Amino acid sequence: MLPPSTLTSDHPLLARIYTEDRPWLLGRLYTRLRNLEDAEDVAGDTFVQLIQTPRLASVREPRALIITIAKRLVWKLWRRRELEAAWLESLFHQGEQFAPSPQEQLAILQTLQQVDQMLDGLSAKARAAFLYSQLDGLTHKEIAAALGVSVSMVRQYISQALQRCYALADAQ
């Protein structure tokens, strides 16, 4: 949670928006997430991004911007949890003799989060195609059937994802 005192001196508009809209946003997020800690985390991250918004004073409907930012963060949270669940399920099926140590588990989860960040700018179908291919081992034909697109579109989606991963990996 952001302390309002950090906002008031430089940004009276931000302080007003934070004071007036945070309870509203928290209620909406709690309704959607059914978890107060997650709702508070997303609300805090939403206001951190709002602070970084250029020309905030020119925004006509701050609540519309707030809810848009929050929705993106909720989707990101859900995606990250889906990745973690898929990894844990695959780990469960490997058996205890192949189970990684806690340090290896942490490293793998961090890597999955980095991959998730790399895929963040892709469309939902491109992201799904890449994950079906890399995590589930589905063929292009199977992915096409699952997504309701052509095989050539699946190739394009996977190519987009790989290009994005390579570009971001090179940048690091």
N, C-alpha and C. Protein backbone atom coordinates (compact mmCIF):
# COMPACT_ATOMS: atom_id res chain seq x y z
N MET A 1 0.84 -1.17 0.00
CA MET A 1 0.00 0.00 0.00
C MET A 1 0.88 1.23 0.00
N LEU A 2 0.55 2.22 -0.82
CA LEU A 2 1.31 3.44 -0.88
C LEU A 2 0.85 4.39 0.21
N PRO A 3 1.77 4.97 0.96
CA PRO A 3 1.34 5.94 1.96
C PRO A 3 0.92 7.24 1.28
N PRO A 4 -0.28 7.76 1.59
CA PRO A 4 -0.74 8.98 0.95
C PRO A 4 0.20 10.16 1.15
N SER A 5 0.97 10.18 2.25
CA SER A 5 1.88 11.29 2.50
C SER A 5 2.94 11.41 1.41
N THR A 6 3.29 10.32 0.75
CA THR A 6 4.30 10.40 -0.31
C THR A 6 3.73 11.01 -1.58
N LEU A 7 2.41 11.08 -1.67
CA LEU A 7 1.78 11.60 -2.87
C LEU A 7 1.38 13.06 -2.75
N THR A 8 1.10 13.54 -1.54
CA THR A 8 0.46 14.84 -1.39
C THR A 8 1.35 16.01 -1.77
N SER A 9 2.61 15.99 -1.47
CA SER A 9 3.44 17.16 -1.70
C SER A 9 3.62 17.46 -3.18
N ASP A 10 3.88 16.47 -4.00
CA ASP A 10 4.15 16.70 -5.41
C ASP A 10 2.94 16.47 -6.30
N HIS A 11 2.03 15.67 -5.85
CA HIS A 11 0.94 15.26 -6.72
C HIS A 11 -0.41 15.31 -6.00
N PRO A 12 -0.99 16.49 -5.85
CA PRO A 12 -2.29 16.54 -5.17
C PRO A 12 -3.37 15.76 -5.92
N LEU A 13 -3.28 15.72 -7.24
CA LEU A 13 -4.25 14.95 -8.03
C LEU A 13 -4.12 13.46 -7.71
N LEU A 14 -2.89 12.97 -7.67
CA LEU A 14 -2.67 11.56 -7.33
C LEU A 14 -3.17 11.25 -5.92
N ALA A 15 -2.93 12.14 -5.00
CA ALA A 15 -3.39 11.91 -3.62
C ALA A 15 -4.90 11.82 -3.58
N ARG A 16 -5.57 12.69 -4.32
CA ARG A 16 -7.03 12.67 -4.35
C ARG A 16 -7.55 11.38 -4.99
N ILE A 17 -6.96 11.02 -6.13
CA ILE A 17 -7.38 9.79 -6.81
C ILE A 17 -7.13 8.58 -5.91
N TYR A 18 -5.97 8.55 -5.29
CA TYR A 18 -5.63 7.42 -4.42
C TYR A 18 -6.62 7.31 -3.26
N THR A 19 -6.88 8.43 -2.62
CA THR A 19 -7.77 8.44 -1.46
C THR A 19 -9.20 8.06 -1.84
N GLU A 20 -9.67 8.60 -2.96
CA GLU A 20 -11.06 8.37 -3.36
C GLU A 20 -11.27 7.02 -4.05
N ASP A 21 -10.32 6.61 -4.87
CA ASP A 21 -10.55 5.45 -5.73
C ASP A 21 -9.95 4.14 -5.23
N ARG A 22 -9.03 4.19 -4.29
CA ARG A 22 -8.43 2.95 -3.81
C ARG A 22 -9.46 2.01 -3.18
N PRO A 23 -10.33 2.50 -2.29
CA PRO A 23 -11.33 1.57 -1.72
C PRO A 23 -12.24 0.97 -2.79
N TRP A 24 -12.63 1.78 -3.76
CA TRP A 24 -13.47 1.29 -4.87
C TRP A 24 -12.74 0.19 -5.64
N LEU A 25 -11.46 0.45 -5.98
CA LEU A 25 -10.67 -0.53 -6.73
C LEU A 25 -10.46 -1.79 -5.91
N LEU A 26 -10.16 -1.64 -4.65
CA LEU A 26 -9.95 -2.80 -3.79
C LEU A 26 -11.19 -3.68 -3.74
N GLY A 27 -12.36 -3.06 -3.66
CA GLY A 27 -13.61 -3.82 -3.66
C GLY A 27 -13.81 -4.59 -4.95
N ARG A 28 -13.55 -3.93 -6.06
CA ARG A 28 -13.69 -4.59 -7.37
C ARG A 28 -12.71 -5.75 -7.50
N LEU A 29 -11.48 -5.52 -7.08
CA LEU A 29 -10.46 -6.57 -7.19
C LEU A 29 -10.77 -7.74 -6.27
N TYR A 30 -11.24 -7.45 -5.08
CA TYR A 30 -11.57 -8.53 -4.15
C TYR A 30 -12.70 -9.38 -4.71
N THR A 31 -13.69 -8.73 -5.33
CA THR A 31 -14.80 -9.46 -5.94
C THR A 31 -14.28 -10.41 -7.01
N ARG A 32 -13.33 -9.95 -7.79
CA ARG A 32 -12.80 -10.76 -8.88
C ARG A 32 -11.80 -11.82 -8.41
N LEU A 33 -10.94 -11.47 -7.48
CA LEU A 33 -9.85 -12.37 -7.07
C LEU A 33 -10.20 -13.25 -5.87
N ARG A 34 -11.14 -12.82 -5.06
CA ARG A 34 -11.56 -13.57 -3.86
C ARG A 34 -10.41 -13.80 -2.88
N ASN A 35 -9.47 -12.86 -2.87
CA ASN A 35 -8.33 -12.97 -1.97
C ASN A 35 -7.87 -11.55 -1.66
N LEU A 36 -7.95 -11.16 -0.39
CA LEU A 36 -7.64 -9.79 -0.01
C LEU A 36 -6.17 -9.43 -0.28
N GLU A 37 -5.25 -10.36 0.00
CA GLU A 37 -3.83 -10.07 -0.24
C GLU A 37 -3.55 -9.82 -1.72
N ASP A 38 -4.12 -10.66 -2.59
CA ASP A 38 -3.93 -10.46 -4.03
C ASP A 38 -4.55 -9.14 -4.46
N ALA A 39 -5.74 -8.84 -3.93
CA ALA A 39 -6.41 -7.59 -4.29
C ALA A 39 -5.56 -6.39 -3.87
N GLU A 40 -4.99 -6.44 -2.68
CA GLU A 40 -4.15 -5.34 -2.21
C GLU A 40 -2.88 -5.22 -3.04
N ASP A 41 -2.27 -6.35 -3.41
CA ASP A 41 -1.07 -6.33 -4.25
C ASP A 41 -1.36 -5.70 -5.61
N VAL A 42 -2.45 -6.14 -6.24
CA VAL A 42 -2.79 -5.61 -7.56
C VAL A 42 -3.15 -4.13 -7.45
N ALA A 43 -3.88 -3.74 -6.40
CA ALA A 43 -4.23 -2.33 -6.22
C ALA A 43 -2.97 -1.49 -6.06
N GLY A 44 -2.04 -1.96 -5.24
CA GLY A 44 -0.79 -1.23 -5.06
C GLY A 44 -0.01 -1.09 -6.36
N ASP A 45 0.12 -2.19 -7.10
CA ASP A 45 0.82 -2.15 -8.39
C ASP A 45 0.10 -1.24 -9.38
N THR A 46 -1.22 -1.21 -9.30
CA THR A 46 -2.00 -0.33 -10.19
C THR A 46 -1.64 1.12 -9.93
N PHE A 47 -1.58 1.51 -8.67
CA PHE A 47 -1.26 2.91 -8.36
C PHE A 47 0.20 3.23 -8.64
N VAL A 48 1.09 2.26 -8.52
CA VAL A 48 2.48 2.48 -8.91
C VAL A 48 2.54 2.81 -10.40
N GLN A 49 1.81 2.05 -11.22
CA GLN A 49 1.79 2.33 -12.66
C GLN A 49 1.08 3.65 -12.95
N LEU A 50 0.06 3.97 -12.18
CA LEU A 50 -0.66 5.23 -12.37
C LEU A 50 0.26 6.42 -12.11
N ILE A 51 1.10 6.31 -11.10
CA ILE A 51 2.05 7.38 -10.78
C ILE A 51 2.98 7.64 -11.97
N GLN A 52 3.30 6.59 -12.71
CA GLN A 52 4.22 6.71 -13.84
C GLN A 52 3.54 7.17 -15.12
N THR A 53 2.23 7.41 -15.06
CA THR A 53 1.48 7.82 -16.25
C THR A 53 1.80 9.27 -16.59
N PRO A 54 2.29 9.51 -17.82
CA PRO A 54 2.55 10.90 -18.21
C PRO A 54 1.22 11.63 -18.43
N ARG A 55 1.20 12.89 -18.10
CA ARG A 55 0.04 13.77 -18.30
C ARG A 55 -1.23 13.20 -17.65
N LEU A 56 -1.11 12.76 -16.43
CA LEU A 56 -2.25 12.19 -15.71
C LEU A 56 -3.37 13.23 -15.57
N ALA A 57 -3.00 14.49 -15.43
CA ALA A 57 -4.01 15.54 -15.26
C ALA A 57 -4.94 15.65 -16.46
N SER A 58 -4.49 15.21 -17.63
CA SER A 58 -5.33 15.30 -18.82
C SER A 58 -6.27 14.11 -18.99
N VAL A 59 -6.17 13.13 -18.11
CA VAL A 59 -7.05 11.95 -18.18
C VAL A 59 -8.43 12.36 -17.70
N ARG A 60 -9.43 12.17 -18.56
CA ARG A 60 -10.80 12.58 -18.22
C ARG A 60 -11.44 11.67 -17.19
N GLU A 61 -11.23 10.38 -17.35
CA GLU A 61 -11.85 9.38 -16.47
C GLU A 61 -10.77 8.55 -15.78
N PRO A 62 -10.24 9.03 -14.66
CA PRO A 62 -9.18 8.28 -13.98
C PRO A 62 -9.59 6.85 -13.63
N ARG A 63 -10.85 6.64 -13.27
CA ARG A 63 -11.28 5.29 -12.91
C ARG A 63 -11.18 4.33 -14.10
N ALA A 64 -11.46 4.82 -15.29
CA ALA A 64 -11.34 3.97 -16.48
C ALA A 64 -9.88 3.54 -16.67
N LEU A 65 -8.96 4.48 -16.48
CA LEU A 65 -7.54 4.15 -16.58
C LEU A 65 -7.13 3.19 -15.47
N ILE A 66 -7.60 3.45 -14.27
CA ILE A 66 -7.27 2.59 -13.13
C ILE A 66 -7.74 1.17 -13.38
N ILE A 67 -8.97 1.02 -13.83
CA ILE A 67 -9.51 -0.34 -14.03
C ILE A 67 -8.81 -1.04 -15.19
N THR A 68 -8.40 -0.29 -16.21
CA THR A 68 -7.67 -0.88 -17.33
C THR A 68 -6.32 -1.41 -16.85
N ILE A 69 -5.61 -0.61 -16.08
CA ILE A 69 -4.32 -1.05 -15.54
C ILE A 69 -4.52 -2.28 -14.65
N ALA A 70 -5.53 -2.22 -13.78
CA ALA A 70 -5.78 -3.32 -12.85
C ALA A 70 -6.14 -4.61 -13.60
N LYS A 71 -6.95 -4.51 -14.65
CA LYS A 71 -7.32 -5.71 -15.42
C LYS A 71 -6.08 -6.36 -16.03
N ARG A 72 -5.19 -5.54 -16.57
CA ARG A 72 -3.95 -6.08 -17.14
C ARG A 72 -3.13 -6.80 -16.07
N LEU A 73 -3.06 -6.22 -14.90
CA LEU A 73 -2.29 -6.84 -13.82
C LEU A 73 -2.94 -8.13 -13.33
N VAL A 74 -4.27 -8.17 -13.31
CA VAL A 74 -4.97 -9.40 -12.91
C VAL A 74 -4.69 -10.50 -13.92
N TRP A 75 -4.76 -10.17 -15.22
CA TRP A 75 -4.46 -11.18 -16.25
C TRP A 75 -3.03 -11.68 -16.11
N LYS A 76 -2.12 -10.77 -15.81
CA LYS A 76 -0.72 -11.16 -15.63
C LYS A 76 -0.58 -12.10 -14.43
N LEU A 77 -1.28 -11.80 -13.35
CA LEU A 77 -1.26 -12.66 -12.16
C LEU A 77 -1.80 -14.05 -12.49
N TRP A 78 -2.93 -14.09 -13.19
CA TRP A 78 -3.53 -15.37 -13.56
C TRP A 78 -2.61 -16.17 -14.48
N ARG A 79 -1.99 -15.49 -15.45
CA ARG A 79 -1.07 -16.17 -16.37
C ARG A 79 0.10 -16.78 -15.60
N ARG A 80 0.66 -16.00 -14.69
CA ARG A 80 1.79 -16.49 -13.90
C ARG A 80 1.38 -17.71 -13.08
N ARG A 81 0.20 -17.66 -12.51
CA ARG A 81 -0.27 -18.80 -11.71
C ARG A 81 -0.55 -20.02 -12.58
N GLU A 82 -1.05 -19.81 -13.79
CA GLU A 82 -1.26 -20.93 -14.71
C GLU A 82 0.07 -21.59 -15.06
N LEU A 83 1.08 -20.77 -15.31
CA LEU A 83 2.41 -21.32 -15.61
C LEU A 83 2.95 -22.12 -14.43
N GLU A 84 2.81 -21.56 -13.24
CA GLU A 84 3.29 -22.26 -12.06
C GLU A 84 2.55 -23.58 -11.86
N ALA A 85 1.23 -23.55 -12.06
CA ALA A 85 0.43 -24.77 -11.88
C ALA A 85 0.81 -25.83 -12.90
N ALA A 86 1.03 -25.41 -14.15
CA ALA A 86 1.43 -26.36 -15.19
C ALA A 86 2.78 -26.98 -14.85
N TRP A 87 3.70 -26.16 -14.37
CA TRP A 87 5.01 -26.68 -14.01
C TRP A 87 4.91 -27.64 -12.84
N LEU A 88 4.14 -27.26 -11.82
CA LEU A 88 3.99 -28.14 -10.65
C LEU A 88 3.32 -29.46 -11.02
N GLU A 89 2.37 -29.40 -11.94
CA GLU A 89 1.72 -30.64 -12.39
C GLU A 89 2.71 -31.53 -13.12
N SER A 90 3.53 -30.94 -13.98
CA SER A 90 4.52 -31.76 -14.69
C SER A 90 5.55 -32.32 -13.71
N LEU A 91 5.88 -31.56 -12.70
CA LEU A 91 6.80 -32.02 -11.67
C LEU A 91 6.20 -33.20 -10.91
N PHE A 92 4.92 -33.12 -10.61
CA PHE A 92 4.22 -34.19 -9.91
C PHE A 92 4.27 -35.49 -10.71
N HIS A 93 4.11 -35.39 -12.03
CA HIS A 93 4.08 -36.58 -12.87
C HIS A 93 5.47 -37.18 -13.11
N GLN A 94 6.52 -36.43 -12.82
CA GLN A 94 7.87 -36.95 -13.02
C GLN A 94 8.28 -37.93 -11.93
N GLY A 95 7.70 -37.83 -10.80
CA GLY A 95 8.06 -38.74 -9.71
C GLY A 95 9.08 -38.12 -8.79
N GLU A 96 9.17 -38.66 -7.61
CA GLU A 96 10.01 -38.10 -6.57
C GLU A 96 11.50 -38.18 -6.89
N GLN A 97 11.94 -39.22 -7.58
CA GLN A 97 13.36 -39.37 -7.86
C GLN A 97 13.88 -38.27 -8.80
N PHE A 98 12.99 -37.63 -9.55
CA PHE A 98 13.41 -36.57 -10.46
C PHE A 98 13.09 -35.18 -9.93
N ALA A 99 12.57 -35.11 -8.72
CA ALA A 99 12.16 -33.83 -8.15
C ALA A 99 13.37 -32.93 -7.92
N PRO A 100 13.29 -31.68 -8.36
CA PRO A 100 14.39 -30.75 -8.14
C PRO A 100 14.44 -30.29 -6.67
N SER A 101 15.59 -29.82 -6.27
CA SER A 101 15.75 -29.30 -4.91
C SER A 101 14.96 -28.00 -4.79
N PRO A 102 14.74 -27.51 -3.58
CA PRO A 102 14.02 -26.24 -3.42
C PRO A 102 14.70 -25.08 -4.17
N GLN A 103 16.04 -25.07 -4.19
CA GLN A 103 16.75 -24.02 -4.92
C GLN A 103 16.49 -24.13 -6.42
N GLU A 104 16.50 -25.36 -6.93
CA GLU A 104 16.21 -25.56 -8.35
C GLU A 104 14.77 -25.20 -8.67
N GLN A 105 13.85 -25.51 -7.76
CA GLN A 105 12.45 -25.15 -7.97
C GLN A 105 12.30 -23.64 -8.07
N LEU A 106 12.97 -22.91 -7.17
CA LEU A 106 12.91 -21.45 -7.20
C LEU A 106 13.48 -20.91 -8.51
N ALA A 107 14.61 -21.45 -8.93
CA ALA A 107 15.23 -21.00 -10.19
C ALA A 107 14.30 -21.27 -11.37
N ILE A 108 13.64 -22.41 -11.36
CA ILE A 108 12.72 -22.75 -12.45
C ILE A 108 11.53 -21.80 -12.45
N LEU A 109 10.96 -21.53 -11.27
CA LEU A 109 9.83 -20.61 -11.20
C LEU A 109 10.23 -19.21 -11.65
N GLN A 110 11.43 -18.76 -11.29
CA GLN A 110 11.90 -17.45 -11.73
C GLN A 110 12.08 -17.43 -13.25
N THR A 111 12.58 -18.50 -13.81
CA THR A 111 12.73 -18.59 -15.26
C THR A 111 11.36 -18.55 -15.94
N LEU A 112 10.40 -19.27 -15.37
CA LEU A 112 9.04 -19.24 -15.93
C LEU A 112 8.47 -17.83 -15.89
N GLN A 113 8.73 -17.10 -14.82
CA GLN A 113 8.24 -15.72 -14.73
C GLN A 113 8.92 -14.84 -15.77
N GLN A 114 10.20 -15.07 -16.03
CA GLN A 114 10.90 -14.31 -17.07
C GLN A 114 10.32 -14.61 -18.44
N VAL A 115 10.02 -15.88 -18.70
CA VAL A 115 9.40 -16.25 -19.98
C VAL A 115 8.04 -15.58 -20.09
N ASP A 116 7.29 -15.56 -19.00
CA ASP A 116 5.98 -14.91 -18.99
C ASP A 116 6.12 -13.43 -19.34
N GLN A 117 7.14 -12.77 -18.79
CA GLN A 117 7.37 -11.36 -19.11
C GLN A 117 7.73 -11.19 -20.58
N MET A 118 8.49 -12.12 -21.12
CA MET A 118 8.86 -12.04 -22.53
C MET A 118 7.64 -12.16 -23.43
N LEU A 119 6.68 -12.96 -23.00
CA LEU A 119 5.48 -13.20 -23.81
C LEU A 119 4.39 -12.17 -23.56
N ASP A 120 4.63 -11.25 -22.65
CA ASP A 120 3.61 -10.31 -22.20
C ASP A 120 3.02 -9.47 -23.34
N GLY A 121 3.80 -9.10 -24.34
CA GLY A 121 3.31 -8.25 -25.40
C GLY A 121 2.59 -8.98 -26.53
N LEU A 122 2.49 -10.28 -26.44
CA LEU A 122 1.86 -11.07 -27.51
C LEU A 122 0.36 -11.18 -27.30
N SER A 123 -0.33 -11.51 -28.38
CA SER A 123 -1.77 -11.76 -28.27
C SER A 123 -1.98 -13.04 -27.47
N ALA A 124 -3.19 -13.21 -26.97
CA ALA A 124 -3.50 -14.40 -26.16
C ALA A 124 -3.29 -15.68 -26.97
N LYS A 125 -3.66 -15.67 -28.25
CA LYS A 125 -3.51 -16.87 -29.07
C LYS A 125 -2.04 -17.17 -29.35
N ALA A 126 -1.24 -16.14 -29.58
CA ALA A 126 0.19 -16.36 -29.83
C ALA A 126 0.85 -16.93 -28.58
N ARG A 127 0.50 -16.38 -27.43
CA ARG A 127 1.04 -16.87 -26.16
C ARG A 127 0.63 -18.33 -25.94
N ALA A 128 -0.66 -18.61 -26.17
CA ALA A 128 -1.16 -19.97 -25.96
C ALA A 128 -0.48 -20.95 -26.92
N ALA A 129 -0.32 -20.56 -28.18
CA ALA A 129 0.33 -21.43 -29.16
C ALA A 129 1.75 -21.77 -28.72
N PHE A 130 2.48 -20.77 -28.27
CA PHE A 130 3.85 -20.99 -27.82
C PHE A 130 3.89 -21.93 -26.62
N LEU A 131 3.02 -21.69 -25.65
CA LEU A 131 3.01 -22.51 -24.44
C LEU A 131 2.56 -23.93 -24.73
N TYR A 132 1.55 -24.09 -25.60
CA TYR A 132 1.13 -25.44 -25.99
C TYR A 132 2.29 -26.18 -26.63
N SER A 133 3.04 -25.47 -27.45
CA SER A 133 4.16 -26.08 -28.15
C SER A 133 5.29 -26.45 -27.19
N GLN A 134 5.69 -25.50 -26.36
CA GLN A 134 6.87 -25.69 -25.53
C GLN A 134 6.61 -26.46 -24.25
N LEU A 135 5.47 -26.24 -23.61
CA LEU A 135 5.20 -26.89 -22.33
C LEU A 135 4.45 -28.20 -22.49
N ASP A 136 3.46 -28.20 -23.38
CA ASP A 136 2.62 -29.39 -23.53
C ASP A 136 3.10 -30.32 -24.64
N GLY A 137 4.00 -29.84 -25.48
CA GLY A 137 4.53 -30.67 -26.56
C GLY A 137 3.52 -30.99 -27.65
N LEU A 138 2.51 -30.14 -27.81
CA LEU A 138 1.51 -30.38 -28.85
C LEU A 138 2.09 -30.09 -30.23
N THR A 139 1.58 -30.77 -31.23
CA THR A 139 1.98 -30.51 -32.62
C THR A 139 1.27 -29.25 -33.11
N HIS A 140 1.74 -28.72 -34.21
CA HIS A 140 1.11 -27.54 -34.78
C HIS A 140 -0.35 -27.82 -35.13
N LYS A 141 -0.62 -29.01 -35.62
CA LYS A 141 -1.99 -29.39 -35.98
C LYS A 141 -2.89 -29.43 -34.73
N GLU A 142 -2.37 -29.99 -33.65
CA GLU A 142 -3.15 -30.05 -32.40
C GLU A 142 -3.40 -28.65 -31.83
N ILE A 143 -2.39 -27.80 -31.93
CA ILE A 143 -2.53 -26.42 -31.44
C ILE A 143 -3.57 -25.68 -32.28
N ALA A 144 -3.50 -25.87 -33.59
CA ALA A 144 -4.46 -25.22 -34.49
C ALA A 144 -5.89 -25.61 -34.12
N ALA A 145 -6.10 -26.89 -33.85
CA ALA A 145 -7.44 -27.36 -33.47
C ALA A 145 -7.87 -26.76 -32.14
N ALA A 146 -6.95 -26.68 -31.19
CA ALA A 146 -7.28 -26.13 -29.87
C ALA A 146 -7.62 -24.65 -29.93
N LEU A 147 -6.93 -23.92 -30.80
CA LEU A 147 -7.13 -22.47 -30.89
C LEU A 147 -8.14 -22.07 -31.95
N GLY A 148 -8.52 -23.01 -32.81
CA GLY A 148 -9.46 -22.69 -33.87
C GLY A 148 -8.86 -21.83 -34.97
N VAL A 149 -7.59 -22.07 -35.28
CA VAL A 149 -6.90 -21.32 -36.33
C VAL A 149 -6.21 -22.32 -37.26
N SER A 150 -5.62 -21.81 -38.33
CA SER A 150 -4.92 -22.68 -39.27
C SER A 150 -3.54 -23.05 -38.74
N VAL A 151 -2.97 -24.10 -39.32
CA VAL A 151 -1.62 -24.53 -38.95
C VAL A 151 -0.61 -23.44 -39.28
N SER A 152 -0.79 -22.77 -40.42
CA SER A 152 0.15 -21.70 -40.78
C SER A 152 0.07 -20.54 -39.78
N MET A 153 -1.11 -20.28 -39.24
CA MET A 153 -1.24 -19.24 -38.23
C MET A 153 -0.51 -19.64 -36.95
N VAL A 154 -0.59 -20.92 -36.61
CA VAL A 154 0.14 -21.42 -35.43
C VAL A 154 1.63 -21.21 -35.63
N ARG A 155 2.13 -21.50 -36.82
CA ARG A 155 3.57 -21.28 -37.11
C ARG A 155 3.93 -19.81 -36.91
N GLN A 156 3.06 -18.92 -37.40
CA GLN A 156 3.32 -17.48 -37.24
C GLN A 156 3.32 -17.09 -35.76
N TYR A 157 2.36 -17.61 -35.01
CA TYR A 157 2.30 -17.30 -33.58
C TYR A 157 3.57 -17.74 -32.87
N ILE A 158 4.00 -18.96 -33.13
CA ILE A 158 5.19 -19.49 -32.46
C ILE A 158 6.42 -18.71 -32.89
N SER A 159 6.48 -18.35 -34.14
CA SER A 159 7.59 -17.55 -34.64
C SER A 159 7.64 -16.19 -33.94
N GLN A 160 6.48 -15.55 -33.79
CA GLN A 160 6.41 -14.26 -33.08
C GLN A 160 6.94 -14.40 -31.66
N ALA A 161 6.50 -15.46 -30.98
CA ALA A 161 6.91 -15.68 -29.59
C ALA A 161 8.41 -15.92 -29.50
N LEU A 162 8.94 -16.74 -30.39
CA LEU A 162 10.38 -17.02 -30.36
C LEU A 162 11.19 -15.77 -30.66
N GLN A 163 10.74 -14.98 -31.63
CA GLN A 163 11.44 -13.74 -31.95
C GLN A 163 11.47 -12.81 -30.74
N ARG A 164 10.33 -12.72 -30.05
CA ARG A 164 10.26 -11.87 -28.87
C ARG A 164 11.19 -12.39 -27.77
N CYS A 165 11.21 -13.68 -27.56
CA CYS A 165 12.09 -14.27 -26.55
C CYS A 165 13.56 -14.01 -26.88
N TYR A 166 13.94 -14.22 -28.14
CA TYR A 166 15.33 -13.99 -28.55
C TYR A 166 15.71 -12.52 -28.39
N ALA A 167 14.81 -11.62 -28.80
CA ALA A 167 15.11 -10.19 -28.71
C ALA A 167 15.29 -9.76 -27.26
N LEU A 168 14.42 -10.21 -26.38
CA LEU A 168 14.53 -9.82 -24.98
C LEU A 168 15.72 -10.50 -24.30
N ALA A 169 16.03 -11.72 -24.70
CA ALA A 169 17.20 -12.41 -24.13
C ALA A 169 18.49 -11.71 -24.56
N ASP A 170 18.54 -11.26 -25.83
CA ASP A 170 19.72 -10.54 -26.31
C ASP A 170 19.88 -9.20 -25.60
N ALA A 171 18.76 -8.56 -25.27
CA ALA A 171 18.80 -7.27 -24.60
C ALA A 171 19.33 -7.38 -23.17
N GLN A 172 19.17 -8.56 -22.59
CA GLN A 172 19.63 -8.75 -21.20
C GLN A 172 21.07 -9.17 -21.24
